[in-house]
């Protein structure tokens, strides 16, 4: 399982232009920096990190299917 490197995320956030809030930027970070493509893989990674898990809860995303729907809407 991949552990989110928040220092790399902060660097990504300041150097890459991504529209949206911190959660949207985090999703783009996981897709580009860690080369994640599958919503299940992204969801599992987010669930392993306390801060990312709070971001999921704030958006009421409880599973990979809900995350995939969220990603399609953006």
Protein backbone atom coordinates (compact mmCIF):
# COMPACT_ATOMS: atom_id res chain seq x y z
CA UNK A 1 0.00 0.00 0.00
CA UNK A 2 1.20 3.48 -0.85
CA UNK A 3 1.56 6.08 1.88
CA UNK A 4 0.68 9.63 0.82
CA UNK A 5 3.73 11.86 1.02
CA UNK A 6 2.23 15.18 2.11
CA UNK A 7 5.44 17.12 1.43
CA UNK A 8 5.35 15.96 -2.19
CA UNK A 9 1.65 16.84 -2.29
CA UNK A 10 2.42 20.39 -1.11
CA UNK A 11 5.07 20.72 -3.81
CA UNK A 12 2.65 19.37 -6.42
CA UNK A 13 -0.03 21.80 -5.22
CA UNK A 14 2.25 24.80 -5.70
CA UNK A 15 3.77 23.75 -9.02
CA UNK A 16 0.83 22.21 -10.91
CA UNK A 17 -2.31 24.06 -11.89
CA UNK A 18 -5.31 21.98 -10.84
CA UNK A 19 -8.78 23.46 -10.48
CA UNK A 20 -10.77 22.61 -7.40
CA UNK A 21 -10.28 22.31 -3.69
CA UNK A 22 -7.59 20.42 -1.77
CA UNK A 23 -9.38 17.10 -2.28
CA UNK A 24 -9.50 17.56 -6.05
CA UNK A 25 -5.81 18.43 -6.03
CA UNK A 26 -5.12 15.34 -3.93
CA UNK A 27 -6.91 13.14 -6.45
CA UNK A 28 -4.87 14.62 -9.30
CA UNK A 29 -1.71 14.18 -7.23
CA UNK A 30 -2.44 10.49 -6.68
CA UNK A 31 -3.22 9.98 -10.36
CA UNK A 32 -0.14 11.76 -11.66
CA UNK A 33 2.52 11.32 -8.95
CA UNK A 34 1.71 7.72 -8.03
CA UNK A 35 0.27 6.82 -11.44
CA UNK A 36 -2.99 5.55 -9.97
CA UNK A 37 -5.80 4.97 -12.42
CA UNK A 38 -8.39 2.78 -10.70
CA UNK A 39 -10.87 4.35 -8.27
CA UNK A 40 -10.57 1.33 -5.96
CA UNK A 41 -6.81 1.79 -5.68
CA UNK A 42 -7.23 5.53 -5.02
CA UNK A 43 -9.98 4.91 -2.47
CA UNK A 44 -7.93 2.33 -0.56
CA UNK A 45 -4.96 4.70 -0.43
CA UNK A 46 -7.15 7.54 0.85
CA UNK A 47 -8.64 5.29 3.53
CA UNK A 48 -5.17 4.45 4.87
CA UNK A 49 -4.39 8.10 5.62
CA UNK A 50 -6.14 9.95 8.46
CA UNK A 51 -6.30 13.35 6.75
CA UNK A 52 -7.44 11.89 3.43
CA UNK A 53 -10.07 9.81 5.25
CA UNK A 54 -11.48 13.01 6.77
CA UNK A 55 -11.67 14.50 3.27
CA UNK A 56 -13.67 11.46 2.13
CA UNK A 57 -16.00 11.71 5.11
CA UNK A 58 -16.58 15.43 4.51
CA UNK A 59 -17.82 14.58 1.01
CA UNK A 60 -19.75 11.54 2.25
CA UNK A 61 -17.74 9.19 0.04
CA UNK A 62 -18.00 5.76 1.64
CA UNK A 63 -16.75 3.45 -1.09
CA UNK A 64 -14.87 3.27 -4.38
CA UNK A 65 -18.09 3.51 -6.40
CA UNK A 66 -18.98 6.82 -4.75
CA UNK A 67 -15.44 8.07 -5.38
CA UNK A 68 -15.71 7.11 -9.03
CA UNK A 69 -18.98 9.04 -9.31
CA UNK A 70 -17.38 12.06 -7.64
CA UNK A 71 -14.44 11.88 -10.06
CA UNK A 72 -16.78 11.74 -13.06
CA UNK A 73 -18.62 14.86 -11.91
CA UNK A 74 -15.53 16.99 -11.68
